[in-house]
Amino acid sequence: MANVTIYGIPNCDSIKKTIDWCNKHKIAFEFHNYKKEGIKEATLKSWCEQVGWEVLLNKKGTTWKKVADEFADKKMTEKIAIKLMLEHNSMIKRPVIETVKQIIVGFDEKVLLAALKK
């Protein structure tokens, strides 16, 4: 069993970069496909506690743009963000990399190297 789990969608460029990077650096990992496996509310809550919902919620993607008008006049809260990410898992920034010690949101080679290399 790997000590690293990469969460995302297989056809995402950031996911592909992350997987390629892990393979190149011989980092064993498991891949969690949001589209096939979904995401648990408890997992999202845990991530929000660790990095904040503002980091996790992807407001740059097309899914956000489709629902943004609905939330234009509302104050976004963690509860609303988690509900949105549960309903539209493509609104979760990618990748989310879960290690034994921390989670990392987004692809950054320097951060990955520091967190994953022994």
N, C-alpha and C. Protein backbone atom coordinates (compact mmCIF):
# COMPACT_ATOMS: atom_id res chain seq x y z
N MET A 1 0.84 -1.18 0.00
CA MET A 1 0.00 0.00 0.00
C MET A 1 0.88 1.25 0.00
N ALA A 2 0.52 2.20 -0.84
CA ALA A 2 1.29 3.44 -0.95
C ALA A 2 0.94 4.38 0.19
N ASN A 3 1.90 5.21 0.55
CA ASN A 3 1.68 6.22 1.58
C ASN A 3 1.22 7.54 0.97
N VAL A 4 0.95 7.54 -0.34
CA VAL A 4 0.53 8.74 -1.06
C VAL A 4 -0.71 8.41 -1.85
N THR A 5 -1.70 9.29 -1.76
CA THR A 5 -2.89 9.16 -2.59
C THR A 5 -3.05 10.46 -3.37
N ILE A 6 -3.22 10.31 -4.68
CA ILE A 6 -3.45 11.46 -5.55
C ILE A 6 -4.94 11.45 -5.89
N TYR A 7 -5.62 12.55 -5.60
CA TYR A 7 -7.04 12.69 -5.87
C TYR A 7 -7.23 13.58 -7.09
N GLY A 8 -8.10 13.15 -8.00
CA GLY A 8 -8.36 13.99 -9.15
C GLY A 8 -9.16 13.28 -10.22
N ILE A 9 -9.01 13.80 -11.43
CA ILE A 9 -9.71 13.31 -12.61
C ILE A 9 -8.63 12.94 -13.63
N PRO A 10 -8.69 11.72 -14.17
CA PRO A 10 -7.58 11.23 -15.01
C PRO A 10 -7.21 12.10 -16.21
N ASN A 11 -8.17 12.78 -16.81
CA ASN A 11 -7.84 13.55 -18.02
C ASN A 11 -7.38 14.97 -17.73
N CYS A 12 -7.18 15.31 -16.46
CA CYS A 12 -6.72 16.64 -16.05
C CYS A 12 -5.21 16.76 -16.26
N ASP A 13 -4.77 17.85 -16.89
CA ASP A 13 -3.34 18.05 -17.16
C ASP A 13 -2.51 18.08 -15.87
N SER A 14 -3.04 18.71 -14.82
CA SER A 14 -2.31 18.77 -13.55
C SER A 14 -2.15 17.38 -12.93
N ILE A 15 -3.15 16.56 -13.09
CA ILE A 15 -3.08 15.18 -12.59
C ILE A 15 -2.03 14.41 -13.39
N LYS A 16 -2.06 14.56 -14.69
CA LYS A 16 -1.08 13.87 -15.55
C LYS A 16 0.35 14.27 -15.17
N LYS A 17 0.57 15.58 -14.94
CA LYS A 17 1.89 16.05 -14.54
C LYS A 17 2.31 15.44 -13.21
N THR A 18 1.37 15.40 -12.28
CA THR A 18 1.67 14.86 -10.95
C THR A 18 2.00 13.38 -11.01
N ILE A 19 1.22 12.62 -11.76
CA ILE A 19 1.47 11.18 -11.90
C ILE A 19 2.80 10.95 -12.60
N ASP A 20 3.06 11.69 -13.66
CA ASP A 20 4.35 11.56 -14.36
C ASP A 20 5.51 11.89 -13.42
N TRP A 21 5.36 12.95 -12.63
CA TRP A 21 6.40 13.35 -11.68
C TRP A 21 6.64 12.24 -10.66
N CYS A 22 5.57 11.68 -10.10
CA CYS A 22 5.71 10.60 -9.12
C CYS A 22 6.38 9.38 -9.73
N ASN A 23 5.98 9.03 -10.94
CA ASN A 23 6.60 7.88 -11.61
C ASN A 23 8.09 8.14 -11.85
N LYS A 24 8.42 9.33 -12.32
CA LYS A 24 9.82 9.69 -12.59
C LYS A 24 10.66 9.61 -11.32
N HIS A 25 10.08 10.00 -10.18
CA HIS A 25 10.81 10.02 -8.92
C HIS A 25 10.58 8.75 -8.09
N LYS A 26 9.97 7.75 -8.74
CA LYS A 26 9.73 6.44 -8.11
C LYS A 26 8.97 6.56 -6.78
N ILE A 27 7.95 7.42 -6.80
CA ILE A 27 7.07 7.59 -5.65
C ILE A 27 5.85 6.70 -5.86
N ALA A 28 5.66 5.73 -4.98
CA ALA A 28 4.50 4.85 -5.07
C ALA A 28 3.26 5.64 -4.64
N PHE A 29 2.17 5.47 -5.37
CA PHE A 29 0.95 6.20 -5.05
C PHE A 29 -0.28 5.40 -5.47
N GLU A 30 -1.39 5.78 -4.87
CA GLU A 30 -2.69 5.29 -5.29
C GLU A 30 -3.39 6.48 -5.93
N PHE A 31 -4.24 6.20 -6.92
CA PHE A 31 -4.99 7.27 -7.57
C PHE A 31 -6.46 7.13 -7.20
N HIS A 32 -7.06 8.22 -6.72
CA HIS A 32 -8.48 8.25 -6.39
C HIS A 32 -9.18 9.11 -7.44
N ASN A 33 -10.00 8.46 -8.25
CA ASN A 33 -10.70 9.13 -9.35
C ASN A 33 -12.04 9.66 -8.83
N TYR A 34 -12.16 10.98 -8.75
CA TYR A 34 -13.41 11.58 -8.28
C TYR A 34 -14.61 11.14 -9.11
N LYS A 35 -14.42 11.02 -10.40
CA LYS A 35 -15.56 10.71 -11.27
C LYS A 35 -16.10 9.30 -11.02
N LYS A 36 -15.22 8.36 -10.72
CA LYS A 36 -15.66 6.99 -10.47
C LYS A 36 -15.95 6.73 -9.00
N GLU A 37 -15.13 7.29 -8.12
CA GLU A 37 -15.21 6.96 -6.69
C GLU A 37 -15.87 8.03 -5.85
N GLY A 38 -16.07 9.22 -6.41
CA GLY A 38 -16.65 10.31 -5.63
C GLY A 38 -15.70 10.77 -4.55
N ILE A 39 -16.24 11.50 -3.60
CA ILE A 39 -15.46 12.00 -2.46
C ILE A 39 -16.39 12.03 -1.25
N LYS A 40 -15.86 11.69 -0.11
CA LYS A 40 -16.66 11.66 1.11
C LYS A 40 -16.67 13.04 1.76
N GLU A 41 -17.79 13.37 2.37
CA GLU A 41 -17.91 14.65 3.07
C GLU A 41 -16.87 14.76 4.18
N ALA A 42 -16.64 13.66 4.90
CA ALA A 42 -15.66 13.67 5.99
C ALA A 42 -14.26 13.99 5.47
N THR A 43 -13.94 13.50 4.28
CA THR A 43 -12.63 13.79 3.68
C THR A 43 -12.51 15.28 3.37
N LEU A 44 -13.55 15.84 2.75
CA LEU A 44 -13.53 17.27 2.44
C LEU A 44 -13.42 18.12 3.71
N LYS A 45 -14.15 17.73 4.74
CA LYS A 45 -14.08 18.48 6.00
C LYS A 45 -12.67 18.43 6.58
N SER A 46 -12.06 17.26 6.54
CA SER A 46 -10.70 17.12 7.04
C SER A 46 -9.73 17.99 6.25
N TRP A 47 -9.86 17.98 4.93
CA TRP A 47 -8.99 18.81 4.10
C TRP A 47 -9.20 20.29 4.41
N CYS A 48 -10.46 20.69 4.58
CA CYS A 48 -10.75 22.09 4.89
C CYS A 48 -10.11 22.49 6.21
N GLU A 49 -10.11 21.60 7.18
CA GLU A 49 -9.46 21.88 8.46
C GLU A 49 -7.96 22.07 8.28
N GLN A 50 -7.39 21.32 7.34
CA GLN A 50 -5.93 21.36 7.15
C GLN A 50 -5.48 22.54 6.29
N VAL A 51 -6.21 22.84 5.21
CA VAL A 51 -5.74 23.88 4.28
C VAL A 51 -6.74 25.00 4.04
N GLY A 52 -7.98 24.83 4.48
CA GLY A 52 -9.01 25.84 4.26
C GLY A 52 -9.80 25.59 2.99
N TRP A 53 -11.09 25.85 3.07
CA TRP A 53 -11.95 25.61 1.90
C TRP A 53 -11.58 26.54 0.75
N GLU A 54 -11.04 27.71 1.06
CA GLU A 54 -10.68 28.67 0.02
C GLU A 54 -9.59 28.10 -0.90
N VAL A 55 -8.72 27.28 -0.35
CA VAL A 55 -7.66 26.65 -1.14
C VAL A 55 -8.23 25.52 -2.00
N LEU A 56 -9.20 24.80 -1.45
CA LEU A 56 -9.75 23.63 -2.15
C LEU A 56 -10.74 23.97 -3.25
N LEU A 57 -11.53 25.00 -3.07
CA LEU A 57 -12.59 25.32 -4.03
C LEU A 57 -12.00 26.00 -5.25
N ASN A 58 -12.16 25.36 -6.40
CA ASN A 58 -11.62 25.88 -7.65
C ASN A 58 -12.63 26.83 -8.28
N LYS A 59 -12.34 28.12 -8.19
CA LYS A 59 -13.22 29.14 -8.76
C LYS A 59 -12.78 29.57 -10.16
N LYS A 60 -11.81 28.87 -10.71
CA LYS A 60 -11.32 29.23 -12.04
C LYS A 60 -11.85 28.31 -13.13
N GLY A 61 -12.45 27.19 -12.75
CA GLY A 61 -12.89 26.20 -13.72
C GLY A 61 -14.26 26.49 -14.31
N THR A 62 -14.59 25.72 -15.32
CA THR A 62 -15.87 25.91 -16.01
C THR A 62 -17.06 25.53 -15.14
N THR A 63 -16.88 24.58 -14.23
CA THR A 63 -17.99 24.19 -13.35
C THR A 63 -18.37 25.36 -12.44
N TRP A 64 -17.37 26.04 -11.89
CA TRP A 64 -17.65 27.20 -11.05
C TRP A 64 -18.39 28.27 -11.86
N LYS A 65 -17.93 28.51 -13.06
CA LYS A 65 -18.54 29.54 -13.90
C LYS A 65 -20.02 29.25 -14.17
N LYS A 66 -20.37 27.98 -14.21
CA LYS A 66 -21.77 27.60 -14.43
C LYS A 66 -22.66 27.91 -13.23
N VAL A 67 -22.11 27.87 -12.04
CA VAL A 67 -22.92 28.07 -10.82
C VAL A 67 -22.60 29.39 -10.12
N ALA A 68 -21.63 30.14 -10.57
CA ALA A 68 -21.18 31.35 -9.87
C ALA A 68 -22.29 32.37 -9.69
N ASP A 69 -23.14 32.56 -10.69
CA ASP A 69 -24.21 33.55 -10.59
C ASP A 69 -25.14 33.25 -9.42
N GLU A 70 -25.33 31.98 -9.16
CA GLU A 70 -26.20 31.55 -8.06
C GLU A 70 -25.65 32.01 -6.70
N PHE A 71 -24.35 32.21 -6.62
CA PHE A 71 -23.71 32.55 -5.35
C PHE A 71 -23.16 33.98 -5.32
N ALA A 72 -23.45 34.74 -6.35
CA ALA A 72 -22.90 36.10 -6.46
C ALA A 72 -23.29 36.98 -5.28
N ASP A 73 -24.50 36.86 -4.79
CA ASP A 73 -24.98 37.73 -3.71
C ASP A 73 -24.88 37.08 -2.33
N LYS A 74 -24.37 35.86 -2.27
CA LYS A 74 -24.29 35.13 -1.00
C LYS A 74 -22.87 35.12 -0.49
N LYS A 75 -22.75 35.09 0.83
CA LYS A 75 -21.43 34.95 1.43
C LYS A 75 -21.05 33.47 1.40
N MET A 76 -19.96 33.17 0.74
CA MET A 76 -19.49 31.79 0.66
C MET A 76 -18.96 31.38 2.02
N THR A 77 -19.36 30.21 2.46
CA THR A 77 -18.90 29.66 3.73
C THR A 77 -18.32 28.28 3.49
N GLU A 78 -17.66 27.74 4.49
CA GLU A 78 -17.12 26.38 4.37
C GLU A 78 -18.24 25.38 4.10
N LYS A 79 -19.34 25.54 4.77
CA LYS A 79 -20.47 24.62 4.61
C LYS A 79 -20.98 24.62 3.16
N ILE A 80 -21.14 25.81 2.59
CA ILE A 80 -21.60 25.92 1.20
C ILE A 80 -20.53 25.36 0.25
N ALA A 81 -19.27 25.68 0.52
CA ALA A 81 -18.18 25.20 -0.35
C ALA A 81 -18.13 23.67 -0.35
N ILE A 82 -18.25 23.05 0.82
CA ILE A 82 -18.23 21.58 0.90
C ILE A 82 -19.42 21.00 0.14
N LYS A 83 -20.59 21.61 0.30
CA LYS A 83 -21.79 21.14 -0.42
C LYS A 83 -21.55 21.20 -1.94
N LEU A 84 -21.00 22.31 -2.40
CA LEU A 84 -20.70 22.45 -3.83
C LEU A 84 -19.70 21.41 -4.31
N MET A 85 -18.63 21.19 -3.53
CA MET A 85 -17.61 20.23 -3.94
C MET A 85 -18.14 18.80 -3.92
N LEU A 86 -19.08 18.51 -3.02
CA LEU A 86 -19.71 17.19 -3.01
C LEU A 86 -20.59 16.99 -4.24
N GLU A 87 -21.33 18.03 -4.60
CA GLU A 87 -22.23 17.95 -5.76
C GLU A 87 -21.48 18.01 -7.08
N HIS A 88 -20.40 18.78 -7.11
CA HIS A 88 -19.61 18.99 -8.34
C HIS A 88 -18.14 18.76 -8.01
N ASN A 89 -17.72 17.50 -7.99
CA ASN A 89 -16.34 17.22 -7.55
C ASN A 89 -15.28 17.81 -8.46
N SER A 90 -15.66 18.25 -9.65
CA SER A 90 -14.68 18.93 -10.50
C SER A 90 -14.36 20.33 -9.97
N MET A 91 -15.08 20.78 -8.94
CA MET A 91 -14.79 22.08 -8.32
C MET A 91 -13.68 21.97 -7.27
N ILE A 92 -13.20 20.76 -7.02
CA ILE A 92 -12.09 20.59 -6.09
C ILE A 92 -10.80 20.82 -6.88
N LYS A 93 -9.96 21.72 -6.39
CA LYS A 93 -8.69 21.96 -7.09
C LYS A 93 -7.93 20.67 -7.22
N ARG A 94 -7.17 20.57 -8.30
CA ARG A 94 -6.43 19.34 -8.57
C ARG A 94 -4.96 19.67 -8.79
N PRO A 95 -4.16 18.72 -8.39
CA PRO A 95 -4.46 17.53 -7.60
C PRO A 95 -4.55 17.87 -6.11
N VAL A 96 -5.16 16.97 -5.38
CA VAL A 96 -5.00 16.95 -3.93
C VAL A 96 -4.16 15.71 -3.65
N ILE A 97 -3.04 15.90 -2.99
CA ILE A 97 -2.11 14.81 -2.71
C ILE A 97 -2.09 14.61 -1.20
N GLU A 98 -2.49 13.44 -0.80
CA GLU A 98 -2.56 13.12 0.61
C GLU A 98 -1.36 12.24 0.96
N THR A 99 -0.57 12.71 1.93
CA THR A 99 0.57 11.92 2.41
C THR A 99 0.29 11.58 3.87
N VAL A 100 1.18 10.84 4.46
CA VAL A 100 1.03 10.48 5.87
C VAL A 100 1.05 11.74 6.74
N LYS A 101 1.83 12.74 6.33
CA LYS A 101 2.03 13.93 7.16
C LYS A 101 1.13 15.11 6.82
N GLN A 102 0.70 15.23 5.55
CA GLN A 102 0.02 16.45 5.13
C GLN A 102 -0.76 16.22 3.84
N ILE A 103 -1.53 17.24 3.47
CA ILE A 103 -2.10 17.25 2.13
C ILE A 103 -1.50 18.43 1.38
N ILE A 104 -1.37 18.23 0.09
CA ILE A 104 -0.83 19.25 -0.79
C ILE A 104 -1.88 19.49 -1.86
N VAL A 105 -2.19 20.75 -2.10
CA VAL A 105 -3.19 21.10 -3.12
C VAL A 105 -2.47 21.80 -4.26
N GLY A 106 -2.58 21.22 -5.45
CA GLY A 106 -1.94 21.79 -6.63
C GLY A 106 -0.61 21.13 -6.92
N PHE A 107 -0.17 21.27 -8.17
CA PHE A 107 1.09 20.68 -8.59
C PHE A 107 2.20 21.72 -8.48
N ASP A 108 3.15 21.45 -7.60
CA ASP A 108 4.32 22.30 -7.41
C ASP A 108 5.49 21.36 -7.14
N GLU A 109 6.41 21.27 -8.08
CA GLU A 109 7.51 20.31 -7.97
C GLU A 109 8.32 20.48 -6.69
N LYS A 110 8.63 21.72 -6.31
CA LYS A 110 9.44 21.96 -5.12
C LYS A 110 8.71 21.48 -3.86
N VAL A 111 7.43 21.76 -3.77
CA VAL A 111 6.64 21.33 -2.60
C VAL A 111 6.56 19.81 -2.58
N LEU A 112 6.30 19.21 -3.73
CA LEU A 112 6.23 17.76 -3.81
C LEU A 112 7.55 17.12 -3.43
N LEU A 113 8.63 17.64 -3.95
CA LEU A 113 9.94 17.10 -3.65
C LEU A 113 10.21 17.13 -2.14
N ALA A 114 9.93 18.25 -1.53
CA ALA A 114 10.15 18.38 -0.09
C ALA A 114 9.26 17.44 0.71
N ALA A 115 8.04 17.25 0.27
CA ALA A 115 7.08 16.43 1.03
C ALA A 115 7.23 14.94 0.78
N LEU A 116 7.63 14.56 -0.43
CA LEU A 116 7.56 13.15 -0.80
C LEU A 116 8.90 12.44 -0.88
N LYS A 117 9.96 13.16 -1.10
CA LYS A 117 11.26 12.49 -1.18
C LYS A 117 11.78 12.21 0.21
N LYS A 118 12.47 11.09 0.34
CA LYS A 118 13.01 10.69 1.64
C LYS A 118 14.41 11.21 1.81
